[in-house]
Amino acid sequence: MRIQSVRRIAAKLLNCGQSKIWIDATQGAKVKEAITTEDVKALIKSATIKKKRENFHSRGAARILQAQKRKGRKKGKGKRKGTQKVRMKTRESWIKRVRSLRKKLTELKAKGEIPEGQYKKFYKLIKGNYFKGRKQLVEEAAKSTATSAAAKAGEE
């Protein structure tokens, strides 16, 4: 049988195109002897005929780019497509901010930098989107501490 016919049968058996079939050049006589589909199956089993590997796109460059982005590179204005709201959803940014503020609030409470009974008030202010960031929370806590200290001094 012609090698082209063997290639066609092998392609059908391996579910691929004829160009994806690899035939061992050293076993040419054996391949020409194959007449039936069973003979071709036997050649596939003995690895005389194989299916070539699928073509793939190398991920090397993508991995390097990813590593650079993790470091904070390649994120400048020239690389941005879409508004700030598209790049990070409003809800996600709010959640991120609230979690960091609540964490800072618990730290301030543990250090005793918030006056007694003020924790709940600050917690609700955070929930109500009152603070823009941690710095503002710390400043407000300091103000609150100063006013409560002044009030105590005024009572005495």
C-alpha atoms as a PDB file:
ATOM      1  CA  MET A   1       0.000   0.000   0.000  1.00  0.00           C
ATOM      2  CA  ARG A   2       1.158   3.526  -0.702  1.00  0.00           C
ATOM      3  CA  ILE A   3       2.398   5.562   2.260  1.00  0.00           C
ATOM      4  CA  GLN A   4      -0.158   8.269   1.402  1.00  0.00           C
ATOM      5  CA  SER A   5      -3.001   5.775   1.930  1.00  0.00           C
ATOM      6  CA  VAL A   6      -1.523   4.642   5.251  1.00  0.00           C
ATOM      7  CA  ARG A   7      -1.275   8.304   6.295  1.00  0.00           C
ATOM      8  CA  ARG A   8      -4.950   8.843   5.412  1.00  0.00           C
ATOM      9  CA  ILE A   9      -6.112   5.789   7.412  1.00  0.00           C
ATOM     10  CA  ALA A  10      -3.914   6.783  10.389  1.00  0.00           C
ATOM     11  CA  ALA A  11      -5.340  10.327  10.303  1.00  0.00           C
ATOM     12  CA  LYS A  12      -8.846   8.909  10.469  1.00  0.00           C
ATOM     13  CA  LEU A  13      -7.928   6.633  13.388  1.00  0.00           C
ATOM     14  CA  LEU A  14      -6.120   9.358  15.342  1.00  0.00           C
ATOM     15  CA  ASN A  15      -8.780  12.046  14.645  1.00  0.00           C
ATOM     16  CA  CYS A  16      -6.450  14.560  13.057  1.00  0.00           C
ATOM     17  CA  GLY A  17      -5.347  15.862   9.665  1.00  0.00           C
ATOM     18  CA  GLN A  18      -2.954  13.977   7.401  1.00  0.00           C
ATOM     19  CA  SER A  19      -0.268  16.613   7.926  1.00  0.00           C
ATOM     20  CA  LYS A  20      -0.261  15.805  11.660  1.00  0.00           C
ATOM     21  CA  ILE A  21       0.752  12.171  11.082  1.00  0.00           C
ATOM     22  CA  TRP A  22       4.392  11.205  11.676  1.00  0.00           C
ATOM     23  CA  ILE A  23       5.686   8.009  10.100  1.00  0.00           C
ATOM     24  CA  ASP A  24       9.043   6.541  11.120  1.00  0.00           C
ATOM     25  CA  ALA A  25      11.305   6.742   8.052  1.00  0.00           C
ATOM     26  CA  THR A  26      13.401   3.755   9.172  1.00  0.00           C
ATOM     27  CA  GLN A  27      10.302   1.500   9.162  1.00  0.00           C
ATOM     28  CA  GLY A  28       9.290   2.358   5.567  1.00  0.00           C
ATOM     29  CA  ALA A  29       9.110  -1.305   4.443  1.00  0.00           C
ATOM     30  CA  LYS A  30       6.849  -2.219   7.368  1.00  0.00           C
ATOM     31  CA  VAL A  31       4.540   0.705   6.569  1.00  0.00           C
ATOM     32  CA  LYS A  32       4.268  -0.289   2.910  1.00  0.00           C
ATOM     33  CA  GLU A  33       3.295  -3.840   3.952  1.00  0.00           C
ATOM     34  CA  ALA A  34       0.275  -2.532   5.924  1.00  0.00           C
ATOM     35  CA  ILE A  35      -2.887  -3.293   3.951  1.00  0.00           C
ATOM     36  CA  THR A  36      -5.817  -3.166   6.375  1.00  0.00           C
ATOM     37  CA  THR A  37      -6.926  -0.738   9.071  1.00  0.00           C
ATOM     38  CA  GLU A  38      -5.915  -3.352  11.681  1.00  0.00           C
ATOM     39  CA  ASP A  39      -2.361  -3.294  10.297  1.00  0.00           C
ATOM     40  CA  VAL A  40      -2.278   0.508  10.649  1.00  0.00           C
ATOM     41  CA  LYS A  41      -3.632   0.196  14.227  1.00  0.00           C
ATOM     42  CA  ALA A  42      -0.783  -2.214  14.994  1.00  0.00           C
ATOM     43  CA  LEU A  43       1.739   0.287  13.618  1.00  0.00           C
ATOM     44  CA  ILE A  44       0.220   3.020  15.801  1.00  0.00           C
ATOM     45  CA  LYS A  45       0.464   0.739  18.826  1.00  0.00           C
ATOM     46  CA  SER A  46       4.131  -0.028  18.077  1.00  0.00           C
ATOM     47  CA  ALA A  47       4.778   3.763  17.734  1.00  0.00           C
ATOM     48  CA  THR A  48       5.860   3.487  14.094  1.00  0.00           C
ATOM     49  CA  ILE A  49       3.064   5.911  13.296  1.00  0.00           C
ATOM     50  CA  LYS A  50       2.376   8.769  15.727  1.00  0.00           C
ATOM     51  CA  LYS A  51       0.281  11.890  15.930  1.00  0.00           C
ATOM     52  CA  LYS A  52       2.428  15.044  15.933  1.00  0.00           C
ATOM     53  CA  ARG A  53       2.165  17.365  18.899  1.00  0.00           C
ATOM     54  CA  GLU A  54      -0.316  20.242  18.635  1.00  0.00           C
ATOM     55  CA  ASN A  55       1.238  23.595  17.856  1.00  0.00           C
ATOM     56  CA  PHE A  56       1.194  25.905  20.844  1.00  0.00           C
ATOM     57  CA  HIS A  57       1.998  29.487  21.606  1.00  0.00           C
ATOM     58  CA  SER A  58       4.886  29.873  24.023  1.00  0.00           C
ATOM     59  CA  ARG A  59       3.964  31.338  27.424  1.00  0.00           C
ATOM     60  CA  GLY A  60       7.525  32.469  28.215  1.00  0.00           C
ATOM     61  CA  ALA A  61       7.033  36.107  27.286  1.00  0.00           C
ATOM     62  CA  ALA A  62       3.654  36.180  29.058  1.00  0.00           C
ATOM     63  CA  ARG A  63       5.218  34.884  32.283  1.00  0.00           C
ATOM     64  CA  ILE A  64       7.910  37.568  32.176  1.00  0.00           C
ATOM     65  CA  LEU A  65       5.249  40.253  31.616  1.00  0.00           C
ATOM     66  CA  GLN A  66       3.156  38.888  34.485  1.00  0.00           C
ATOM     67  CA  ALA A  67       6.174  38.989  36.816  1.00  0.00           C
ATOM     68  CA  GLN A  68       6.840  42.622  35.875  1.00  0.00           C
ATOM     69  CA  LYS A  69       3.184  43.544  36.502  1.00  0.00           C
ATOM     70  CA  ARG A  70       3.325  41.853  39.922  1.00  0.00           C
ATOM     71  CA  LYS A  71       6.216  44.180  40.770  1.00  0.00           C
ATOM     72  CA  GLY A  72       4.017  47.126  39.757  1.00  0.00           C
ATOM     73  CA  ARG A  73       5.670  47.822  36.415  1.00  0.00           C
ATOM     74  CA  LYS A  74       3.900  48.345  33.078  1.00  0.00           C
ATOM     75  CA  LYS A  75       0.773  49.824  34.634  1.00  0.00           C
ATOM     76  CA  GLY A  76       1.269  53.453  33.647  1.00  0.00           C
ATOM     77  CA  LYS A  77      -1.254  55.672  31.880  1.00  0.00           C
ATOM     78  CA  GLY A  78      -0.112  54.487  28.454  1.00  0.00           C
ATOM     79  CA  LYS A  79      -1.028  50.888  29.279  1.00  0.00           C
ATOM     80  CA  ARG A  80      -4.511  51.616  30.624  1.00  0.00           C
ATOM     81  CA  LYS A  81      -7.610  50.954  28.598  1.00  0.00           C
ATOM     82  CA  GLY A  82     -10.884  51.817  30.274  1.00  0.00           C
ATOM     83  CA  THR A  83     -11.907  54.083  33.109  1.00  0.00           C
ATOM     84  CA  GLN A  84     -11.003  53.607  36.749  1.00  0.00           C
ATOM     85  CA  LYS A  85     -14.447  52.141  37.413  1.00  0.00           C
ATOM     86  CA  VAL A  86     -13.907  49.535  34.716  1.00  0.00           C
ATOM     87  CA  ARG A  87     -10.406  48.618  35.896  1.00  0.00           C
ATOM     88  CA  MET A  88     -11.667  48.079  39.450  1.00  0.00           C
ATOM     89  CA  LYS A  89     -15.369  47.821  40.122  1.00  0.00           C
ATOM     90  CA  THR A  90     -16.770  50.435  42.516  1.00  0.00           C
ATOM     91  CA  ARG A  91     -18.047  47.782  44.908  1.00  0.00           C
ATOM     92  CA  GLU A  92     -14.695  45.989  44.985  1.00  0.00           C
ATOM     93  CA  SER A  93     -12.833  49.204  45.792  1.00  0.00           C
ATOM     94  CA  TRP A  94     -15.378  50.001  48.527  1.00  0.00           C
ATOM     95  CA  ILE A  95     -14.959  46.537  50.066  1.00  0.00           C
ATOM     96  CA  LYS A  96     -11.172  46.909  49.955  1.00  0.00           C
ATOM     97  CA  ARG A  97     -11.339  50.308  51.653  1.00  0.00           C
ATOM     98  CA  VAL A  98     -13.856  49.237  54.313  1.00  0.00           C
ATOM     99  CA  ARG A  99     -11.839  46.142  55.245  1.00  0.00           C
ATOM    100  CA  SER A 100      -8.634  48.151  55.649  1.00  0.00           C
ATOM    101  CA  LEU A 101     -10.434  50.831  57.703  1.00  0.00           C
ATOM    102  CA  ARG A 102     -12.018  48.242  59.998  1.00  0.00           C
ATOM    103  CA  LYS A 103      -8.647  46.577  60.503  1.00  0.00           C
ATOM    104  CA  LYS A 104      -7.089  49.947  61.392  1.00  0.00           C
ATOM    105  CA  LEU A 105      -9.997  50.702  63.748  1.00  0.00           C
ATOM    106  CA  THR A 106      -9.417  47.463  65.667  1.00  0.00           C
ATOM    107  CA  GLU A 107      -5.700  48.333  65.885  1.00  0.00           C
ATOM    108  CA  LEU A 108      -6.533  51.789  67.274  1.00  0.00           C
ATOM    109  CA  LYS A 109      -8.936  50.228  69.792  1.00  0.00           C
ATOM    110  CA  ALA A 110      -6.286  47.731  70.910  1.00  0.00           C
ATOM    111  CA  LYS A 111      -3.747  50.555  71.408  1.00  0.00           C
ATOM    112  CA  GLY A 112      -6.306  52.627  73.280  1.00  0.00           C
ATOM    113  CA  GLU A 113      -6.144  55.556  70.867  1.00  0.00           C
ATOM    114  CA  ILE A 114      -9.928  55.740  70.604  1.00  0.00           C
ATOM    115  CA  PRO A 115     -11.904  57.096  73.575  1.00  0.00           C
ATOM    116  CA  GLU A 116     -14.245  54.739  75.440  1.00  0.00           C
ATOM    117  CA  GLY A 117     -17.576  54.262  73.710  1.00  0.00           C
ATOM    118  CA  GLN A 118     -16.382  55.772  70.420  1.00  0.00           C
ATOM    119  CA  TYR A 119     -15.587  52.474  68.632  1.00  0.00           C
ATOM    120  CA  LYS A 120     -19.190  51.873  67.606  1.00  0.00           C
ATOM    121  CA  LYS A 121     -19.530  55.442  66.308  1.00  0.00           C
ATOM    122  CA  PHE A 122     -16.398  55.099  64.151  1.00  0.00           C
ATOM    123  CA  TYR A 123     -17.511  51.666  62.939  1.00  0.00           C
ATOM    124  CA  LYS A 124     -20.789  53.107  61.709  1.00  0.00           C
ATOM    125  CA  LEU A 125     -19.008  56.065  60.091  1.00  0.00           C
ATOM    126  CA  ILE A 126     -16.828  53.598  58.181  1.00  0.00           C
ATOM    127  CA  LYS A 127     -19.912  51.700  57.046  1.00  0.00           C
ATOM    128  CA  GLY A 128     -21.504  54.967  55.957  1.00  0.00           C
ATOM    129  CA  ASN A 129     -18.536  55.744  53.678  1.00  0.00           C
ATOM    130  CA  TYR A 130     -17.459  58.744  55.761  1.00  0.00           C
ATOM    131  CA  PHE A 131     -13.702  58.160  55.528  1.00  0.00           C
ATOM    132  CA  LYS A 132     -11.674  58.290  52.306  1.00  0.00           C
ATOM    133  CA  GLY A 133      -8.760  56.339  53.765  1.00  0.00           C
ATOM    134  CA  ARG A 134      -6.877  55.174  56.850  1.00  0.00           C
ATOM    135  CA  LYS A 135      -5.091  58.491  57.301  1.00  0.00           C
ATOM    136  CA  GLN A 136      -8.388  60.340  57.657  1.00  0.00           C
ATOM    137  CA  LEU A 137      -9.596  57.756  60.210  1.00  0.00           C
ATOM    138  CA  VAL A 138      -6.455  58.203  62.325  1.00  0.00           C
ATOM    139  CA  GLU A 139      -6.795  62.016  62.193  1.00  0.00           C
ATOM    140  CA  GLU A 140     -10.463  61.828  63.208  1.00  0.00           C
ATOM    141  CA  ALA A 141      -9.593  59.448  66.063  1.00  0.00           C
ATOM    142  CA  ALA A 142      -6.896  61.835  67.268  1.00  0.00           C
ATOM    143  CA  LYS A 143      -9.358  64.754  67.122  1.00  0.00           C
ATOM    144  CA  SER A 144     -11.916  62.735  69.036  1.00  0.00           C
ATOM    145  CA  THR A 145      -9.338  61.833  71.698  1.00  0.00           C
ATOM    146  CA  ALA A 146      -8.337  65.486  72.054  1.00  0.00           C
ATOM    147  CA  THR A 147     -11.933  66.677  72.438  1.00  0.00           C
ATOM    148  CA  SER A 148     -12.774  63.962  74.972  1.00  0.00           C
ATOM    149  CA  ALA A 149      -9.613  64.842  76.962  1.00  0.00           C
ATOM    150  CA  ALA A 150     -10.579  68.533  76.887  1.00  0.00           C
ATOM    151  CA  ALA A 151     -14.107  67.703  78.000  1.00  0.00           C
ATOM    152  CA  LYS A 152     -12.797  65.671  80.936  1.00  0.00           C
ATOM    153  CA  ALA A 153     -10.427  68.497  81.913  1.00  0.00           C
ATOM    154  CA  GLY A 154     -13.313  70.986  81.747  1.00  0.00           C
ATOM    155  CA  GLU A 155     -15.458  68.848  84.070  1.00  0.00           C
ATOM    156  CA  GLU A 156     -12.745  68.725  86.709  1.00  0.00           C
END
